[in-house]
């Protein structure tokens, strides 16, 4: 007998806003799996920041890893970012979102049962090639909230220290 489809929880936010920490904590708390952000692996393996032509590959790999993890998830699948975030970063860094990435982001964002947004209320920490500065994170956060509003996607803003964030999501779930 096949297990029930897990509820997909998207965790979105700017760099250094605690997405990965929250995803790992939630997965541990609910004894399930989470999908790490593929972009981090891409940067580590390639030894460089992504270029415009890499954006669709990054987003589609992220989505494919979600699909694989869904079969191992128990009740919830916590997703550390989605193709929508890749599209937002693409717009910020390259001035546009190519058609395949735009279609991927649009076609799958409604697949999530809940969208969490991590507040930019924790200290920003540089992380090698992944993050430039706190000011970029502020801009990305604003772009994310504008995009969610434009798409009429409801979200839960989580804030505070890791324990407070976990409690906020637990109360909501």
Protein backbone atom coordinates (compact mmCIF):
# COMPACT_ATOMS: atom_id res chain seq x y z
CA UNK A 1 0.00 0.00 0.00
CA UNK A 2 1.35 3.41 -0.97
CA UNK A 3 1.91 6.01 1.73
CA UNK A 4 -0.15 9.19 1.67
CA UNK A 5 1.30 12.07 -0.27
CA UNK A 6 3.17 14.32 2.14
CA UNK A 7 2.22 17.94 2.56
CA UNK A 8 4.82 20.08 0.80
CA UNK A 9 6.08 23.01 2.78
CA UNK A 10 8.03 25.66 0.85
CA UNK A 11 10.56 27.60 2.89
CA UNK A 12 11.49 30.85 1.17
CA UNK A 13 13.63 33.80 2.13
CA UNK A 14 16.73 35.74 1.32
CA UNK A 15 20.25 34.42 1.85
CA UNK A 16 21.29 34.07 5.48
CA UNK A 17 17.70 34.22 6.74
CA UNK A 18 17.68 30.77 8.34
CA UNK A 19 15.89 28.66 5.70
CA UNK A 20 18.21 25.67 5.96
CA UNK A 21 18.28 25.78 9.75
CA UNK A 22 14.50 25.86 9.87
CA UNK A 23 14.09 23.08 7.28
CA UNK A 24 16.47 20.77 9.15
CA UNK A 25 14.82 21.52 12.52
CA UNK A 26 11.34 20.89 11.15
CA UNK A 27 12.39 17.63 9.51
CA UNK A 28 13.94 16.43 12.74
CA UNK A 29 10.94 17.53 14.81
CA UNK A 30 8.44 15.78 12.51
CA UNK A 31 10.72 12.80 11.81
CA UNK A 32 10.71 13.30 8.07
CA UNK A 33 13.05 14.50 5.34
CA UNK A 34 13.88 17.88 3.91
CA UNK A 35 15.23 18.97 0.54
CA UNK A 36 18.41 21.06 0.86
CA UNK A 37 18.97 24.00 -1.44
CA UNK A 38 20.68 22.70 -4.60
CA UNK A 39 22.23 26.10 -5.32
CA UNK A 40 24.67 25.62 -2.43
CA UNK A 41 25.85 22.31 -3.90
CA UNK A 42 26.08 23.84 -7.38
CA UNK A 43 28.34 26.64 -6.13
CA UNK A 44 30.52 24.22 -4.15
CA UNK A 45 30.94 21.79 -7.05
CA UNK A 46 31.37 24.41 -9.78
CA UNK A 47 33.52 26.71 -7.65
CA UNK A 48 31.67 29.74 -8.97
CA UNK A 49 28.44 31.65 -8.73
CA UNK A 50 25.77 30.70 -11.23
CA UNK A 51 25.37 32.46 -14.55
CA UNK A 52 22.11 33.29 -16.30
CA UNK A 53 22.23 30.10 -18.35
CA UNK A 54 22.50 28.02 -15.15
CA UNK A 55 19.26 29.23 -13.60
CA UNK A 56 16.85 26.76 -15.20
CA UNK A 57 19.18 23.84 -14.42
CA UNK A 58 19.37 24.92 -10.77
CA UNK A 59 15.60 25.30 -10.42
CA UNK A 60 14.74 22.09 -12.26
CA UNK A 61 17.29 20.11 -10.24
CA UNK A 62 15.80 21.54 -7.04
CA UNK A 63 12.34 20.44 -8.17
CA UNK A 64 13.54 16.97 -9.24
CA UNK A 65 15.11 16.45 -5.82
CA UNK A 66 11.79 17.36 -4.22
CA UNK A 67 10.07 14.69 -6.26
CA UNK A 68 12.63 12.09 -5.17
CA UNK A 69 12.38 13.10 -1.52
CA UNK A 70 8.57 13.00 -1.54
CA UNK A 71 8.67 9.21 -1.63
CA UNK A 72 10.72 9.14 1.59
CA UNK A 73 8.79 11.83 3.43
CA UNK A 74 6.49 11.10 6.35
CA UNK A 75 3.49 13.45 6.52
CA UNK A 76 5.52 16.58 5.59
CA UNK A 77 8.20 17.39 3.03
CA UNK A 78 10.15 20.54 3.91
CA UNK A 79 11.63 22.26 0.86
CA UNK A 80 14.52 24.66 1.41
CA UNK A 81 13.66 27.02 -1.47
CA UNK A 82 11.68 26.55 -4.67
CA UNK A 83 12.02 27.54 -8.35
CA UNK A 84 10.27 30.80 -7.46
CA UNK A 85 13.32 31.92 -5.46
CA UNK A 86 15.58 31.05 -8.38
CA UNK A 87 13.40 33.22 -10.61
CA UNK A 88 13.60 36.11 -8.14
CA UNK A 89 17.39 35.88 -7.96
CA UNK A 90 17.53 35.63 -11.75
CA UNK A 91 15.52 38.83 -12.07
CA UNK A 92 17.76 40.56 -9.54
CA UNK A 93 21.13 39.48 -10.95
CA UNK A 94 20.42 39.14 -14.66
CA UNK A 95 17.53 41.55 -15.16
CA UNK A 96 15.18 38.89 -16.48
CA UNK A 97 13.76 35.42 -16.01
CA UNK A 98 14.02 33.20 -19.07
CA UNK A 99 10.83 31.55 -20.31
CA UNK A 100 11.58 27.98 -19.14
CA UNK A 101 12.40 29.17 -15.61
CA UNK A 102 9.34 31.43 -15.49
CA UNK A 103 7.14 28.53 -16.59
CA UNK A 104 8.68 26.18 -14.02
CA UNK A 105 8.23 28.68 -11.19
CA UNK A 106 4.65 29.45 -12.21
CA UNK A 107 3.58 25.86 -12.75
CA UNK A 108 4.83 24.51 -9.45
CA UNK A 109 4.47 27.24 -6.82
CA UNK A 110 0.84 26.24 -6.18
CA UNK A 111 1.98 22.65 -5.45
CA UNK A 112 3.00 23.68 -1.95
CA UNK A 113 0.48 23.23 0.82
CA UNK A 114 2.10 25.95 2.91
CA UNK A 115 4.66 28.65 2.16
CA UNK A 116 6.90 29.85 4.97
CA UNK A 117 8.95 33.02 4.65
CA UNK A 118 11.91 33.44 6.96
CA UNK A 119 12.16 36.98 8.28
CA UNK A 120 15.40 38.88 7.84
CA UNK A 121 15.70 39.35 11.59
CA UNK A 122 18.78 37.25 12.31
CA UNK A 123 22.36 38.42 11.84
CA UNK A 124 23.56 38.19 8.26
CA UNK A 125 26.62 35.95 7.84
CA UNK A 126 28.88 35.83 4.78
CA UNK A 127 29.18 32.39 3.23
CA UNK A 128 31.88 32.34 0.58
CA UNK A 129 30.53 32.62 -2.95
CA UNK A 130 26.90 32.25 -1.87
CA UNK A 131 26.21 35.66 -0.33
CA UNK A 132 27.33 39.15 -1.22
CA UNK A 133 26.07 41.48 1.49
CA UNK A 134 23.19 42.17 3.84
CA UNK A 135 21.81 44.89 1.54
CA UNK A 136 21.21 42.37 -1.26
CA UNK A 137 19.31 40.17 1.19
CA UNK A 138 17.03 43.10 2.06
CA UNK A 139 16.33 43.67 -1.65
CA UNK A 140 15.64 39.98 -2.28
CA UNK A 141 13.31 39.81 0.71
CA UNK A 142 11.32 42.77 -0.63
CA UNK A 143 11.18 41.20 -4.10
CA UNK A 144 9.96 37.91 -2.60
CA UNK A 145 7.15 39.51 -0.62
CA UNK A 146 6.10 41.54 -3.68
CA UNK A 147 6.09 38.38 -5.83
CA UNK A 148 4.02 36.42 -3.32
CA UNK A 149 1.52 39.29 -3.18
CA UNK A 150 1.36 39.54 -6.98
CA UNK A 151 0.68 35.80 -7.24
CA UNK A 152 -1.79 35.88 -4.33
CA UNK A 153 0.18 33.19 -2.52
CA UNK A 154 -0.53 33.19 1.21
CA UNK A 155 2.43 32.67 3.53
CA UNK A 156 3.41 32.47 7.16
CA UNK A 157 6.21 34.85 8.13
CA UNK A 158 8.40 33.19 10.76
CA UNK A 159 10.74 35.22 12.90
CA UNK A 160 12.90 35.12 15.99
CA UNK A 161 15.50 32.60 17.03
CA UNK A 162 15.41 29.02 15.69
CA UNK A 163 13.30 27.75 18.59
CA UNK A 164 10.74 30.52 18.16
CA UNK A 165 10.52 29.83 14.44
CA UNK A 166 9.99 26.12 15.02
CA UNK A 167 7.22 26.87 17.54
CA UNK A 168 5.49 29.28 15.13
CA UNK A 169 5.39 26.63 12.39
CA UNK A 170 4.36 23.90 14.82
CA UNK A 171 1.39 25.99 15.98
CA UNK A 172 0.40 26.62 12.38
CA UNK A 173 0.65 22.98 11.30
